Amino acid sequence: MEEIIQSADGQVTEEIPKEPMKGKNGSKKIIWILLFIFFFLLAGVVYFYIKSNENVTPQNVEEKETIEEEPKVEDNSNVTSSKVEEKETVEEEQRIEEIKENLVALIPDKYEVVEKNYEALSSESDSCIFLYEIYPKEYSDIEKEYLNKAFLIYCKDINTAILDNQVGEVRYSNEEDRWLFVYGETITPQEEKQYGENLVTITELGGSHASSNYYIVRIDGSDELVILSVPSFHRIRCETYDENGVETMKKDCIEFITSMGMPADCSESVPDEVYENYYNDLLEILRDI
């Protein structure tokens, strides 16, 4: 509604109508209502966000703890196997050293004892190794060169021990509880002889130029063996050949065999009594092994 105002000088002034105050106050209320709704929605969003994190976080932590608690399993089978083999090797070496000490104590003082470097008895019997080379201390230099020597051998398992001959082989039979010579279909039980409390198997092994008697003893009834090899038959060969294949006879060899009453053509073997006399006393150790 327009309002007409008359001034003192009689002029009439028309005043522009003003917005009522009621409309201005209504706008403020609407703004506050919108702000309230906004903050209410914001609070709701924050509340649900916090709640959702509370539900997720423990599960993640639990999974993390579970993962941390489960130890990582490594494949140590090779390492374990290697350690077991090393332990077995050490124990086996200690056992061999113990046997060697016991054997040396049994050997009569008249014999020279030379330690061997655990050479295998043969490619077929790697469970058997040479322990000592033995020969009489009275051997002359020429005898050391041309006469054969005795040996002490250790086998860790009777079931895998194989004694090779030029033809055939000698092995132990569990079924017959005896040592057998096997050549093709020929199977021959070997001689057994009592030495003290030890039942000793005796077998002769070798070839056309030399052979030895092998005395086989089980250690305290176990699968371990000690074998004493003593030379028995020996044809000394004095011939030698140069690079062109020309044969010559070694002079010192001829002199040696003829001194024992053997012909210079090497057609005869060393007399049996030579090795018997030299090694007869050594056989006494078979009673105490």
C-alpha atoms as a PDB file:
ATOM      1  CA  MET A   1       0.000   0.000   0.000  1.00  0.00           C
ATOM      2  CA  GLU A   2       1.423   3.287  -0.942  1.00  0.00           C
ATOM      3  CA  GLU A   3       1.714   6.017   1.692  1.00  0.00           C
ATOM      4  CA  ILE A   4       1.358   9.714   0.797  1.00  0.00           C
ATOM      5  CA  ILE A   5       3.315  12.119   2.923  1.00  0.00           C
ATOM      6  CA  GLN A   6       2.734  15.900   2.825  1.00  0.00           C
ATOM      7  CA  SER A   7       5.654  18.106   3.785  1.00  0.00           C
ATOM      8  CA  ALA A   8       5.473  21.487   5.603  1.00  0.00           C
ATOM      9  CA  ASP A   9       5.603  23.465   2.391  1.00  0.00           C
ATOM     10  CA  GLY A  10       2.604  21.618   1.150  1.00  0.00           C
ATOM     11  CA  GLN A  11       4.367  19.240  -1.309  1.00  0.00           C
ATOM     12  CA  VAL A  12       3.189  15.703  -1.503  1.00  0.00           C
ATOM     13  CA  THR A  13       5.773  12.841  -1.586  1.00  0.00           C
ATOM     14  CA  GLU A  14       4.961   9.285  -2.612  1.00  0.00           C
ATOM     15  CA  GLU A  15       7.081   6.689  -0.753  1.00  0.00           C
ATOM     16  CA  ILE A  16       8.005   3.362  -2.328  1.00  0.00           C
ATOM     17  CA  PRO A  17       6.332   0.541  -0.419  1.00  0.00           C
ATOM     18  CA  LYS A  18       8.643  -1.714   1.703  1.00  0.00           C
ATOM     19  CA  GLU A  19       8.602  -5.529   1.879  1.00  0.00           C
ATOM     20  CA  PRO A  20       6.916  -6.657   5.001  1.00  0.00           C
ATOM     21  CA  MET A  21       9.325  -8.062   7.703  1.00  0.00           C
ATOM     22  CA  LYS A  22       7.343 -11.251   7.856  1.00  0.00           C
ATOM     23  CA  GLY A  23       8.706 -12.475   4.460  1.00  0.00           C
ATOM     24  CA  LYS A  24      12.322 -11.869   5.478  1.00  0.00           C
ATOM     25  CA  ASN A  25      11.979 -13.851   8.653  1.00  0.00           C
ATOM     26  CA  GLY A  26      10.455 -16.810   6.737  1.00  0.00           C
ATOM     27  CA  SER A  27      13.499 -17.038   4.439  1.00  0.00           C
ATOM     28  CA  LYS A  28      15.842 -17.312   7.414  1.00  0.00           C
ATOM     29  CA  LYS A  29      13.793 -20.149   8.826  1.00  0.00           C
ATOM     30  CA  ILE A  30      13.984 -22.035   5.557  1.00  0.00           C
ATOM     31  CA  ILE A  31      17.813 -21.632   5.476  1.00  0.00           C
ATOM     32  CA  TRP A  32      18.124 -22.933   9.023  1.00  0.00           C
ATOM     33  CA  ILE A  33      15.894 -25.857   8.215  1.00  0.00           C
ATOM     34  CA  LEU A  34      18.043 -26.722   5.180  1.00  0.00           C
ATOM     35  CA  LEU A  35      21.228 -26.395   7.221  1.00  0.00           C
ATOM     36  CA  PHE A  36      19.756 -28.663   9.890  1.00  0.00           C
ATOM     37  CA  ILE A  37      18.788 -31.257   7.300  1.00  0.00           C
ATOM     38  CA  PHE A  38      22.271 -31.042   5.718  1.00  0.00           C
ATOM     39  CA  PHE A  39      24.042 -31.520   9.048  1.00  0.00           C
ATOM     40  CA  PHE A  40      21.638 -34.324   9.931  1.00  0.00           C
ATOM     41  CA  LEU A  41      22.417 -36.094   6.673  1.00  0.00           C
ATOM     42  CA  LEU A  42      26.129 -35.439   7.119  1.00  0.00           C
ATOM     43  CA  ALA A  43      25.987 -36.867  10.637  1.00  0.00           C
ATOM     44  CA  GLY A  44      24.160 -39.894   9.267  1.00  0.00           C
ATOM     45  CA  VAL A  45      26.786 -40.449   6.603  1.00  0.00           C
ATOM     46  CA  VAL A  46      29.589 -40.125   9.154  1.00  0.00           C
ATOM     47  CA  TYR A  47      27.790 -42.514  11.523  1.00  0.00           C
ATOM     48  CA  PHE A  48      27.298 -45.198   8.899  1.00  0.00           C
ATOM     49  CA  TYR A  49      30.880 -44.773   7.671  1.00  0.00           C
ATOM     50  CA  ILE A  50      32.197 -45.318  11.198  1.00  0.00           C
ATOM     51  CA  LYS A  51      29.920 -48.318  11.671  1.00  0.00           C
ATOM     52  CA  SER A  52      31.041 -49.863   8.408  1.00  0.00           C
ATOM     53  CA  ASN A  53      34.697 -49.444   9.406  1.00  0.00           C
ATOM     54  CA  GLU A  54      34.014 -51.084  12.756  1.00  0.00           C
ATOM     55  CA  ASN A  55      32.607 -54.125  10.948  1.00  0.00           C
ATOM     56  CA  VAL A  56      35.471 -54.396   8.461  1.00  0.00           C
ATOM     57  CA  THR A  57      38.495 -53.571  10.595  1.00  0.00           C
ATOM     58  CA  PRO A  58      38.291 -56.451  13.111  1.00  0.00           C
ATOM     59  CA  GLN A  59      37.939 -58.942  10.290  1.00  0.00           C
ATOM     60  CA  ASN A  60      40.994 -57.545   8.523  1.00  0.00           C
ATOM     61  CA  VAL A  61      42.949 -57.570  11.754  1.00  0.00           C
ATOM     62  CA  GLU A  62      41.856 -61.129  12.448  1.00  0.00           C
ATOM     63  CA  GLU A  63      42.937 -62.223   8.971  1.00  0.00           C
ATOM     64  CA  LYS A  64      46.269 -60.468   9.447  1.00  0.00           C
ATOM     65  CA  GLU A  65      46.788 -62.129  12.815  1.00  0.00           C
ATOM     66  CA  THR A  66      45.877 -65.491  11.300  1.00  0.00           C
ATOM     67  CA  ILE A  67      48.399 -65.022   8.527  1.00  0.00           C
ATOM     68  CA  GLU A  68      51.084 -63.979  10.995  1.00  0.00           C
ATOM     69  CA  GLU A  69      50.352 -66.958  13.239  1.00  0.00           C
ATOM     70  CA  GLU A  70      50.722 -69.483  10.429  1.00  0.00           C
ATOM     71  CA  PRO A  71      54.463 -70.242  10.154  1.00  0.00           C
ATOM     72  CA  LYS A  72      56.009 -70.536   6.742  1.00  0.00           C
ATOM     73  CA  VAL A  73      56.795 -74.175   6.079  1.00  0.00           C
ATOM     74  CA  GLU A  74      60.076 -74.639   4.248  1.00  0.00           C
ATOM     75  CA  ASP A  75      61.129 -77.791   2.442  1.00  0.00           C
ATOM     76  CA  ASN A  76      64.142 -78.863   4.491  1.00  0.00           C
ATOM     77  CA  SER A  77      64.063 -82.501   3.371  1.00  0.00           C
ATOM     78  CA  ASN A  78      67.338 -82.190   1.470  1.00  0.00           C
ATOM     79  CA  VAL A  79      69.048 -80.496   4.400  1.00  0.00           C
ATOM     80  CA  THR A  80      67.721 -83.109   6.835  1.00  0.00           C
ATOM     81  CA  SER A  81      68.757 -85.957   4.556  1.00  0.00           C
ATOM     82  CA  SER A  82      72.228 -84.468   4.193  1.00  0.00           C
ATOM     83  CA  LYS A  83      72.607 -84.156   7.977  1.00  0.00           C
ATOM     84  CA  VAL A  84      71.473 -87.763   8.468  1.00  0.00           C
ATOM     85  CA  GLU A  85      73.995 -88.962   5.883  1.00  0.00           C
ATOM     86  CA  GLU A  86      76.760 -86.930   7.525  1.00  0.00           C
ATOM     87  CA  LYS A  87      75.878 -88.390  10.917  1.00  0.00           C
ATOM     88  CA  GLU A  88      75.849 -91.923   9.509  1.00  0.00           C
ATOM     89  CA  THR A  89      79.207 -91.322   7.824  1.00  0.00           C
ATOM     90  CA  VAL A  90      80.762 -90.047  11.055  1.00  0.00           C
ATOM     91  CA  GLU A  91      79.374 -92.989  13.022  1.00  0.00           C
ATOM     92  CA  GLU A  92      80.622 -95.431  10.392  1.00  0.00           C
ATOM     93  CA  GLU A  93      84.109 -93.912  10.418  1.00  0.00           C
ATOM     94  CA  GLN A  94      84.198 -94.076  14.201  1.00  0.00           C
ATOM     95  CA  ARG A  95      83.145 -97.723  14.059  1.00  0.00           C
ATOM     96  CA  ILE A  96      85.866 -98.548  11.537  1.00  0.00           C
ATOM     97  CA  GLU A  97      88.498 -96.818  13.662  1.00  0.00           C
ATOM     98  CA  GLU A  98      87.367 -98.837  16.675  1.00  0.00           C
ATOM     99  CA  ILE A  99      87.669-102.098  14.715  1.00  0.00           C
ATOM    100  CA  LYS A 100      91.099-101.119  13.397  1.00  0.00           C
ATOM    101  CA  GLU A 101      92.392-100.454  16.900  1.00  0.00           C
ATOM    102  CA  ASN A 102      91.116-103.833  18.082  1.00  0.00           C
ATOM    103  CA  LEU A 103      92.692-105.641  15.132  1.00  0.00           C
ATOM    104  CA  VAL A 104      96.089-103.972  15.431  1.00  0.00           C
ATOM    105  CA  ALA A 105      96.239-105.031  19.055  1.00  0.00           C
ATOM    106  CA  LEU A 106      95.828-108.663  17.947  1.00  0.00           C
ATOM    107  CA  ILE A 107      98.561-108.738  15.277  1.00  0.00           C
ATOM    108  CA  PRO A 108     101.818-110.331  16.506  1.00  0.00           C
ATOM    109  CA  ASP A 109     104.756-107.958  16.705  1.00  0.00           C
ATOM    110  CA  LYS A 110     106.695-109.970  14.105  1.00  0.00           C
ATOM    111  CA  TYR A 111     104.552-108.429  11.346  1.00  0.00           C
ATOM    112  CA  GLU A 112     104.776-105.050   9.687  1.00  0.00           C
ATOM    113  CA  VAL A 113     101.383-103.355   9.476  1.00  0.00           C
ATOM    114  CA  VAL A 114     100.729-100.745   6.779  1.00  0.00           C
ATOM    115  CA  GLU A 115      97.502 -98.755   6.924  1.00  0.00           C
ATOM    116  CA  LYS A 116      95.464 -98.653   3.714  1.00  0.00           C
ATOM    117  CA  ASN A 117      93.328 -95.747   2.541  1.00  0.00           C
ATOM    118  CA  TYR A 118      89.999 -97.561   2.610  1.00  0.00           C
ATOM    119  CA  GLU A 119      90.269 -98.865  -0.950  1.00  0.00           C
ATOM    120  CA  ALA A 120      87.202-100.889  -1.957  1.00  0.00           C
ATOM    121  CA  LEU A 121      87.727-104.616  -2.257  1.00  0.00           C
ATOM    122  CA  SER A 122      86.161-104.527  -5.729  1.00  0.00           C
ATOM    123  CA  SER A 123      83.713-102.554  -7.831  1.00  0.00           C
ATOM    124  CA  GLU A 124      81.098-105.201  -7.061  1.00  0.00           C
ATOM    125  CA  SER A 125      81.656-105.029  -3.302  1.00  0.00           C
ATOM    126  CA  ASP A 126      82.088-101.410  -2.259  1.00  0.00           C
ATOM    127  CA  SER A 127      80.812-102.263   1.233  1.00  0.00           C
ATOM    128  CA  CYS A 128      84.156-104.026   1.829  1.00  0.00           C
ATOM    129  CA  ILE A 129      87.348-102.025   2.264  1.00  0.00           C
ATOM    130  CA  PHE A 130      91.016-102.797   2.853  1.00  0.00           C
ATOM    131  CA  LEU A 131      92.190-101.776   6.308  1.00  0.00           C
ATOM    132  CA  TYR A 132      95.772-103.045   6.535  1.00  0.00           C
ATOM    133  CA  GLU A 133      98.525-104.602   4.478  1.00  0.00           C
ATOM    134  CA  ILE A 134     100.584-107.090   6.530  1.00  0.00           C
ATOM    135  CA  TYR A 135     103.914-108.811   5.906  1.00  0.00           C
ATOM    136  CA  PRO A 136     106.714-110.237   8.062  1.00  0.00           C
ATOM    137  CA  LYS A 137     109.251-107.743   9.343  1.00  0.00           C
ATOM    138  CA  GLU A 138     111.939-110.190   8.259  1.00  0.00           C
ATOM    139  CA  TYR A 139     110.988-109.746   4.599  1.00  0.00           C
ATOM    140  CA  SER A 140     114.054-108.588   2.679  1.00  0.00           C
ATOM    141  CA  ASP A 141     113.770-105.823   0.115  1.00  0.00           C
ATOM    142  CA  ILE A 142     113.661-108.353  -2.710  1.00  0.00           C
ATOM    143  CA  GLU A 143     110.935-110.327  -0.903  1.00  0.00           C
ATOM    144  CA  LYS A 144     108.910-107.134  -0.383  1.00  0.00           C
ATOM    145  CA  GLU A 145     109.071-106.594  -4.119  1.00  0.00           C
ATOM    146  CA  TYR A 146     108.216-110.072  -5.362  1.00  0.00           C
ATOM    147  CA  LEU A 147     106.358-111.936  -2.617  1.00  0.00           C
ATOM    148  CA  ASN A 148     102.686-111.317  -1.963  1.00  0.00           C
ATOM    149  CA  LYS A 149     101.335-109.887   1.290  1.00  0.00           C
ATOM    150  CA  ALA A 150      98.413-110.467   3.628  1.00  0.00           C
ATOM    151  CA  PHE A 151      95.510-108.054   4.083  1.00  0.00           C
ATOM    152  CA  LEU A 152      92.839-107.297   6.655  1.00  0.00           C
ATOM    153  CA  ILE A 153      89.482-106.345   5.152  1.00  0.00           C
ATOM    154  CA  TYR A 154      86.336-104.936   6.755  1.00  0.00           C
ATOM    155  CA  CYS A 155      82.817-105.438   5.361  1.00  0.00           C
ATOM    156  CA  LYS A 156      79.939-103.542   6.967  1.00  0.00           C
ATOM    157  CA  ASP A 157      77.224-105.893   5.702  1.00  0.00           C
ATOM    158  CA  ILE A 158      77.477-109.637   5.100  1.00  0.00           C
ATOM    159  CA  ASN A 159      74.457-109.437   2.784  1.00  0.00           C
ATOM    160  CA  THR A 160      76.151-107.110   0.305  1.00  0.00           C
ATOM    161  CA  ALA A 161      79.687-108.502   0.518  1.00  0.00           C
ATOM    162  CA  ILE A 162      80.822-110.134  -2.735  1.00  0.00           C
ATOM    163  CA  LEU A 163      84.237-111.801  -3.087  1.00  0.00           C
ATOM    164  CA  ASP A 164      85.271-111.972  -6.729  1.00  0.00           C
ATOM    165  CA  ASN A 165      87.217-114.834  -8.219  1.00  0.00           C
ATOM    166  CA  GLN A 166      88.752-115.022 -11.681  1.00  0.00           C
ATOM    167  CA  VAL A 167      85.693-117.104 -12.507  1.00  0.00           C
ATOM    168  CA  GLY A 168      82.606-116.924 -10.338  1.00  0.00           C
ATOM    169  CA  GLU A 169      82.188-115.271  -6.975  1.00  0.00           C
ATOM    170  CA  VAL A 170      81.678-116.085  -3.316  1.00  0.00           C
ATOM    171  CA  ARG A 171      78.679-114.674  -1.455  1.00  0.00           C
ATOM    172  CA  TYR A 172      76.661-115.360   1.681  1.00  0.00           C
ATOM    173  CA  SER A 173      73.300-117.174   1.503  1.00  0.00           C
ATOM    174  CA  ASN A 174      70.748-116.353   4.196  1.00  0.00           C
ATOM    175  CA  GLU A 175      68.693-119.400   3.249  1.00  0.00           C
ATOM    176  CA  GLU A 176      71.552-121.819   3.833  1.00  0.00           C
ATOM    177  CA  ASP A 177      73.377-119.676   6.396  1.00  0.00           C
ATOM    178  CA  ARG A 178      76.637-120.398   4.575  1.00  0.00           C
ATOM    179  CA  TRP A 179      79.079-118.864   2.157  1.00  0.00           C
ATOM    180  CA  LEU A 180      78.716-120.261  -1.359  1.00  0.00           C
ATOM    181  CA  PHE A 181      80.900-120.241  -4.437  1.00  0.00           C
ATOM    182  CA  VAL A 182      78.660-119.403  -7.394  1.00  0.00           C
ATOM    183  CA  TYR A 183      79.666-119.913 -11.010  1.00  0.00           C
ATOM    184  CA  GLY A 184      76.797-120.168 -13.444  1.00  0.00           C
ATOM    185  CA  GLU A 185      74.610-122.992 -12.183  1.00  0.00           C
ATOM    186  CA  THR A 186      77.423-124.401 -10.055  1.00  0.00           C
ATOM    187  CA  ILE A 187      76.972-123.655  -6.344  1.00  0.00           C
ATOM    188  CA  THR A 188      79.523-124.968  -3.857  1.00  0.00           C
ATOM    189  CA  PRO A 189      79.410-124.488  -0.052  1.00  0.00           C
ATOM    190  CA  GLN A 190      82.721-123.215   1.294  1.00  0.00           C
ATOM    191  CA  GLU A 191      84.859-124.800   4.001  1.00  0.00           C
ATOM    192  CA  GLU A 192      84.211-123.873   7.627  1.00  0.00           C
ATOM    193  CA  LYS A 193      86.681-124.248  10.496  1.00  0.00           C
ATOM    194  CA  GLN A 194      86.520-123.429  14.181  1.00  0.00           C
ATOM    195  CA  TYR A 195      89.102-120.984  15.566  1.00  0.00           C
ATOM    196  CA  GLY A 196      88.454-120.646  19.281  1.00  0.00           C
ATOM    197  CA  GLU A 197      84.806-119.535  19.544  1.00  0.00           C
ATOM    198  CA  ASN A 198      84.726-118.207  15.989  1.00  0.00           C
ATOM    199  CA  LEU A 199      83.340-120.283  13.128  1.00  0.00           C
ATOM    200  CA  VAL A 200      85.507-119.166  10.206  1.00  0.00           C
ATOM    201  CA  THR A 201      84.682-119.655   6.526  1.00  0.00           C
ATOM    202  CA  ILE A 202      87.717-120.357   4.307  1.00  0.00           C
ATOM    203  CA  THR A 203      87.686-119.787   0.561  1.00  0.00           C
ATOM    204  CA  GLU A 204      90.486-119.519  -1.999  1.00  0.00           C
ATOM    205  CA  LEU A 205      90.257-116.705  -4.518  1.00  0.00           C
ATOM    206  CA  GLY A 206      92.569-115.620  -7.296  1.00  0.00           C
ATOM    207  CA  GLY A 207      93.676-116.477 -10.786  1.00  0.00           C
ATOM    208  CA  SER A 208      96.231-118.409 -12.803  1.00  0.00           C
ATOM    209  CA  HIS A 209      99.258-116.564 -11.371  1.00  0.00           C
ATOM    210  CA  ALA A 210      98.295-116.011  -7.745  1.00  0.00           C
ATOM    211  CA  SER A 211      95.629-116.787  -5.177  1.00  0.00           C
ATOM    212  CA  SER A 212      94.991-116.213  -1.486  1.00  0.00           C
ATOM    213  CA  ASN A 213      93.024-117.906   1.239  1.00  0.00           C
ATOM    214  CA  TYR A 214      90.261-115.678   2.608  1.00  0.00           C
ATOM    215  CA  TYR A 215      89.315-116.298   6.255  1.00  0.00           C
ATOM    216  CA  ILE A 216      85.869-114.770   6.873  1.00  0.00           C
ATOM    217  CA  VAL A 217      84.804-113.951  10.443  1.00  0.00           C
ATOM    218  CA  ARG A 218      81.541-112.382  11.632  1.00  0.00           C
ATOM    219  CA  ILE A 219      82.081-109.787  14.366  1.00  0.00           C
ATOM    220  CA  ASP A 220      80.205-110.948  17.468  1.00  0.00           C
ATOM    221  CA  GLY A 221      77.553-112.647  15.344  1.00  0.00           C
ATOM    222  CA  SER A 222      76.580-109.349  13.641  1.00  0.00           C
ATOM    223  CA  ASP A 223      76.397-108.557   9.922  1.00  0.00           C
ATOM    224  CA  GLU A 224      79.852-106.961  10.100  1.00  0.00           C
ATOM    225  CA  LEU A 225      82.800-108.958   8.806  1.00  0.00           C
ATOM    226  CA  VAL A 226      86.541-109.064   9.172  1.00  0.00           C
ATOM    227  CA  ILE A 227      88.363-110.956   6.437  1.00  0.00           C
ATOM    228  CA  LEU A 228      91.986-112.023   6.652  1.00  0.00           C
ATOM    229  CA  SER A 229      93.527-112.619   3.217  1.00  0.00           C
ATOM    230  CA  VAL A 230      96.731-114.689   3.265  1.00  0.00           C
ATOM    231  CA  PRO A 231      98.760-115.576   0.109  1.00  0.00           C
ATOM    232  CA  SER A 232      98.747-119.259  -0.758  1.00  0.00           C
ATOM    233  CA  PHE A 233      99.670-119.774  -4.410  1.00  0.00           C
ATOM    234  CA  HIS A 234     101.964-117.520  -6.404  1.00  0.00           C
ATOM    235  CA  ARG A 235     103.783-117.818  -9.702  1.00  0.00           C
ATOM    236  CA  ILE A 236     106.308-114.984  -9.877  1.00  0.00           C
ATOM    237  CA  ARG A 237     106.573-113.387 -13.293  1.00  0.00           C
ATOM    238  CA  CYS A 238     110.069-112.088 -14.098  1.00  0.00           C
ATOM    239  CA  GLU A 239     109.452-110.965 -17.665  1.00  0.00           C
ATOM    240  CA  THR A 240     109.025-107.353 -18.592  1.00  0.00           C
ATOM    241  CA  TYR A 241     108.305-105.620 -21.900  1.00  0.00           C
ATOM    242  CA  ASP A 242     109.658-102.437 -23.433  1.00  0.00           C
ATOM    243  CA  GLU A 243     107.642 -99.927 -25.473  1.00  0.00           C
ATOM    244  CA  ASN A 244     108.100-102.016 -28.606  1.00  0.00           C
ATOM    245  CA  GLY A 245     106.789-105.156 -26.929  1.00  0.00           C
ATOM    246  CA  VAL A 246     110.184-106.801 -26.701  1.00  0.00           C
ATOM    247  CA  GLU A 247     110.386-109.176 -23.735  1.00  0.00           C
ATOM    248  CA  THR A 248     113.304-109.179 -21.315  1.00  0.00           C
ATOM    249  CA  MET A 249     113.812-110.971 -18.000  1.00  0.00           C
ATOM    250  CA  LYS A 250     114.545-109.008 -14.840  1.00  0.00           C
ATOM    251  CA  LYS A 251     117.879-110.174 -13.492  1.00  0.00           C
ATOM    252  CA  ASP A 252     117.141-109.655  -9.784  1.00  0.00           C
ATOM    253  CA  CYS A 253     113.878-111.554 -10.161  1.00  0.00           C
ATOM    254  CA  ILE A 254     115.577-114.539 -11.799  1.00  0.00           C
ATOM    255  CA  GLU A 255     118.170-114.594  -9.043  1.00  0.00           C
ATOM    256  CA  PHE A 256     115.444-114.504  -6.405  1.00  0.00           C
ATOM    257  CA  ILE A 257     113.323-117.371  -7.740  1.00  0.00           C
ATOM    258  CA  THR A 258     116.316-119.567  -8.436  1.00  0.00           C
ATOM    259  CA  SER A 259     117.497-118.993  -4.856  1.00  0.00           C
ATOM    260  CA  MET A 260     114.244-120.673  -3.755  1.00  0.00           C
ATOM    261  CA  GLY A 261     114.900-123.644  -6.020  1.00  0.00           C
ATOM    262  CA  MET A 262     112.498-122.528  -8.741  1.00  0.00           C
ATOM    263  CA  PRO A 263     113.387-122.720 -12.470  1.00  0.00           C
ATOM    264  CA  ALA A 264     114.428-119.510 -14.203  1.00  0.00           C
ATOM    265  CA  ASP A 265     111.627-119.814 -16.771  1.00  0.00           C
ATOM    266  CA  CYS A 266     109.025-118.936 -14.073  1.00  0.00           C
ATOM    267  CA  SER A 267     107.116-122.117 -14.773  1.00  0.00           C
ATOM    268  CA  GLU A 268     106.702-123.035 -11.104  1.00  0.00           C
ATOM    269  CA  SER A 269     105.009-121.315  -8.190  1.00  0.00           C
ATOM    270  CA  VAL A 270     106.484-120.250  -4.884  1.00  0.00           C
ATOM    271  CA  PRO A 271     106.816-123.314  -2.657  1.00  0.00           C
ATOM    272  CA  ASP A 272     103.798-123.691  -0.326  1.00  0.00           C
ATOM    273  CA  GLU A 273     105.944-123.758   2.777  1.00  0.00           C
ATOM    274  CA  VAL A 274     107.256-120.215   2.096  1.00  0.00           C
ATOM    275  CA  TYR A 275     103.909-118.552   2.734  1.00  0.00           C
ATOM    276  CA  GLU A 276     102.913-121.116   5.367  1.00  0.00           C
ATOM    277  CA  ASN A 277     106.000-120.377   7.423  1.00  0.00           C
ATOM    278  CA  TYR A 278     105.702-116.641   7.038  1.00  0.00           C
ATOM    279  CA  TYR A 279     101.975-116.314   7.859  1.00  0.00           C
ATOM    280  CA  ASN A 280     101.112-119.260  10.100  1.00  0.00           C
ATOM    281  CA  ASP A 281     101.352-117.148  13.266  1.00  0.00           C
ATOM    282  CA  LEU A 282      99.060-114.511  11.769  1.00  0.00           C
ATOM    283  CA  LEU A 283      96.179-116.997  11.644  1.00  0.00           C
ATOM    284  CA  GLU A 284      96.064-116.950  15.456  1.00  0.00           C
ATOM    285  CA  ILE A 285      94.238-113.610  15.381  1.00  0.00           C
ATOM    286  CA  LEU A 286      91.185-115.447  13.999  1.00  0.00           C
ATOM    287  CA  ARG A 287      90.526-116.787  17.508  1.00  0.00           C
ATOM    288  CA  ASP A 288      90.120-113.323  19.018  1.00  0.00           C
ATOM    289  CA  ILE A 289      88.390-111.222  16.344  1.00  0.00           C
END
